[in-house]
Amino acid sequence: MYTDALSFLEDERDAWAPYEALSQLTDAQLERPVAAAHGWSGRDLMGHMVTWQLLSLDVAKELALGERSPSHERADADWAARGGDVVNAEAEADWRSRPIDEVRQEFARVAGELRGFLTVVPETRWLKNSDQQRFFYEETTEHYEDHAQDLAAILAAATDRG
């Protein structure tokens, strides 16, 4: 449990930093599926991570303006009703349909924008609210840790095959 926003934001930033290496891969390297990453490509991993960062950004924007987040409530209800596999598969298909330049742009933009918005959300609405703090932690730092092996496999495959 975090007691100050700076610690949370520093930990989130440090956990995200390794993912920035994906930006250095060529388009061909990003498109290559990697068996050791559950068959995901770098592009798939980028889209997956950005999907949940975008949700977090929406929630932060709503909490900057009010006490509750309809986006968070809708996402929780959708996850409960349809299941994570369905929700993630739809997000994956969406990111695969987008031009790689758009994927790269969103990947480069969203994490920093989320951090920026969290600095203006009153701490009582996210840091001092255990449910919201848990949400932001799970959708960022914990999520990054959950996919660290996928990232390592994708980066290794890019290095091995050029």
Protein backbone atom coordinates (compact mmCIF):
# COMPACT_ATOMS: atom_id res chain seq x y z
CA MET A 1 0.00 0.00 0.00
CA TYR A 2 1.42 3.34 -1.05
CA THR A 3 1.19 6.37 1.21
CA ASP A 4 2.53 8.97 -1.21
CA ALA A 5 1.95 9.53 -4.91
CA LEU A 6 5.61 10.09 -5.74
CA SER A 7 6.57 6.59 -4.59
CA PHE A 8 3.78 5.05 -6.63
CA LEU A 9 4.69 7.06 -9.74
CA GLU A 10 8.41 6.27 -9.40
CA ASP A 11 7.74 2.54 -9.03
CA GLU A 12 5.36 2.59 -12.00
CA ARG A 13 7.91 4.46 -14.13
CA ASP A 14 10.71 2.06 -13.18
CA ALA A 15 8.52 -0.96 -13.95
CA TRP A 16 7.54 0.52 -17.34
CA ALA A 17 11.07 1.47 -18.43
CA PRO A 18 12.06 -1.98 -19.80
CA TYR A 19 9.05 -1.94 -22.15
CA GLU A 20 10.39 1.15 -23.88
CA ALA A 21 12.90 -1.15 -25.60
CA LEU A 22 10.02 -2.32 -27.80
CA SER A 23 10.09 1.11 -29.46
CA GLN A 24 13.58 0.38 -30.75
CA LEU A 25 12.53 -2.73 -32.68
CA THR A 26 11.92 -2.58 -36.40
CA ASP A 27 8.42 -3.03 -37.76
CA ALA A 28 9.37 -6.53 -38.93
CA GLN A 29 10.67 -7.45 -35.47
CA LEU A 30 7.47 -6.14 -33.88
CA GLU A 31 5.30 -8.23 -36.19
CA ARG A 32 7.10 -11.52 -35.53
CA PRO A 33 5.16 -13.92 -33.26
CA VAL A 34 7.26 -15.40 -30.45
CA ALA A 35 6.36 -18.84 -29.16
CA ALA A 36 7.89 -18.16 -25.73
CA ALA A 37 5.57 -15.14 -25.38
CA HIS A 38 2.37 -17.18 -25.86
CA GLY A 39 2.61 -16.57 -29.59
CA TRP A 40 2.42 -12.81 -29.18
CA SER A 41 4.44 -10.42 -31.27
CA GLY A 42 5.99 -7.24 -29.91
CA ARG A 43 3.10 -5.38 -31.51
CA ASP A 44 0.63 -7.59 -29.62
CA LEU A 45 2.39 -6.91 -26.33
CA MET A 46 2.47 -3.18 -27.03
CA GLY A 47 -1.25 -3.14 -27.77
CA HIS A 48 -2.08 -5.25 -24.74
CA MET A 49 -0.18 -2.99 -22.38
CA VAL A 50 -1.61 0.18 -23.91
CA THR A 51 -5.16 -1.18 -23.68
CA TRP A 52 -4.99 -1.26 -19.90
CA GLN A 53 -3.02 1.98 -19.67
CA LEU A 54 -5.76 3.67 -21.71
CA LEU A 55 -8.39 2.36 -19.32
CA SER A 56 -6.30 3.67 -16.43
CA LEU A 57 -5.99 7.03 -18.18
CA ASP A 58 -9.77 7.22 -18.63
CA VAL A 59 -10.25 6.40 -14.96
CA ALA A 60 -7.69 9.03 -13.91
CA LYS A 61 -9.41 11.66 -16.06
CA GLU A 62 -12.77 10.85 -14.48
CA LEU A 63 -11.34 10.88 -10.96
CA ALA A 64 -9.74 14.25 -11.64
CA LEU A 65 -13.28 15.59 -12.09
CA GLY A 66 -15.29 13.56 -9.60
CA GLU A 67 -15.47 10.91 -6.91
CA ARG A 68 -16.26 7.95 -9.16
CA SER A 69 -15.20 6.51 -12.47
CA PRO A 70 -17.87 5.17 -14.82
CA SER A 71 -15.09 3.73 -17.02
CA HIS A 72 -13.77 1.65 -14.13
CA GLU A 73 -17.27 0.44 -13.29
CA ARG A 74 -18.02 -0.48 -16.93
CA ALA A 75 -14.70 -2.29 -17.32
CA ASP A 76 -15.25 -4.30 -14.15
CA ALA A 77 -18.77 -5.23 -15.27
CA ASP A 78 -17.57 -6.18 -18.76
CA TRP A 79 -14.74 -8.31 -17.35
CA ALA A 80 -17.15 -10.08 -15.00
CA ALA A 81 -19.82 -10.63 -17.67
CA ARG A 82 -17.69 -11.70 -20.63
CA GLY A 83 -14.43 -12.81 -19.05
CA GLY A 84 -10.87 -11.68 -19.46
CA ASP A 85 -10.07 -13.93 -22.40
CA VAL A 86 -12.84 -12.38 -24.51
CA VAL A 87 -11.99 -8.82 -23.50
CA ASN A 88 -8.28 -9.34 -24.18
CA ALA A 89 -8.94 -11.09 -27.51
CA GLU A 90 -11.05 -8.17 -28.71
CA ALA A 91 -8.35 -5.70 -27.69
CA GLU A 92 -5.71 -7.79 -29.45
CA ALA A 93 -7.73 -7.87 -32.66
CA ASP A 94 -8.27 -4.13 -32.47
CA TRP A 95 -4.55 -3.37 -32.10
CA ARG A 96 -3.65 -5.83 -34.88
CA SER A 97 -6.00 -3.96 -37.23
CA ARG A 98 -4.32 -0.61 -36.66
CA PRO A 99 -1.37 0.73 -38.64
CA ILE A 100 1.93 0.05 -36.87
CA ASP A 101 2.67 3.79 -36.72
CA GLU A 102 -0.50 4.31 -34.67
CA VAL A 103 0.49 1.48 -32.33
CA ARG A 104 3.92 3.07 -31.89
CA GLN A 105 2.45 6.53 -31.26
CA GLU A 106 0.01 5.34 -28.63
CA PHE A 107 2.68 3.22 -26.99
CA ALA A 108 4.97 6.23 -26.75
CA ARG A 109 2.24 8.58 -25.48
CA VAL A 110 -0.05 6.86 -23.04
CA ALA A 111 2.19 5.89 -20.10
CA GLY A 112 3.49 9.43 -19.67
CA GLU A 113 0.05 10.94 -20.06
CA LEU A 114 -1.31 8.59 -17.42
CA ARG A 115 1.44 9.61 -14.99
CA GLY A 116 0.67 13.25 -15.70
CA PHE A 117 -3.02 12.84 -15.00
CA LEU A 118 -2.37 10.96 -11.78
CA THR A 119 -0.49 14.00 -10.50
CA VAL A 120 -3.64 16.13 -10.77
CA VAL A 121 -6.13 13.60 -9.38
CA PRO A 122 -6.73 14.41 -5.72
CA GLU A 123 -4.93 11.78 -3.69
CA THR A 124 -8.10 11.07 -1.72
CA ARG A 125 -9.64 9.74 -4.95
CA TRP A 126 -6.91 7.31 -5.91
CA LEU A 127 -3.98 6.98 -3.52
CA LYS A 128 -5.96 7.18 -0.27
CA ASN A 129 -8.80 5.10 -1.76
CA SER A 130 -7.66 1.49 -1.41
CA ASP A 131 -9.88 0.20 -4.23
CA GLN A 132 -8.66 2.82 -6.69
CA GLN A 133 -5.04 2.49 -5.63
CA ARG A 134 -5.28 -1.28 -6.13
CA PHE A 135 -6.84 -0.70 -9.57
CA PHE A 136 -4.03 1.59 -10.71
CA TYR A 137 -1.37 -0.73 -9.28
CA GLU A 138 -2.90 -3.81 -10.93
CA GLU A 139 -3.31 -2.10 -14.32
CA THR A 140 0.22 -0.69 -14.33
CA THR A 141 3.07 -1.93 -12.15
CA GLU A 142 1.66 -5.38 -11.42
CA HIS A 143 0.57 -5.82 -15.03
CA TYR A 144 4.04 -4.88 -16.27
CA GLU A 145 5.54 -7.46 -13.92
CA ASP A 146 3.04 -10.08 -15.13
CA HIS A 147 4.32 -9.67 -18.70
CA ALA A 148 8.03 -9.27 -18.00
CA GLN A 149 8.78 -12.76 -19.33
CA ASP A 150 6.84 -12.04 -22.52
CA LEU A 151 8.84 -8.85 -22.97
CA ALA A 152 12.14 -10.66 -22.38
CA ALA A 153 11.21 -13.39 -24.89
CA ILE A 154 10.20 -10.85 -27.55
CA LEU A 155 13.37 -8.81 -27.08
CA ALA A 156 15.52 -11.96 -27.14
CA ALA A 157 13.86 -13.18 -30.33
CA ALA A 158 14.46 -9.80 -31.97
CA THR A 159 18.13 -9.93 -31.00
CA ASP A 160 18.55 -13.54 -32.09
CA ARG A 161 17.00 -13.04 -35.51
CA GLY A 162 17.86 -9.41 -36.21
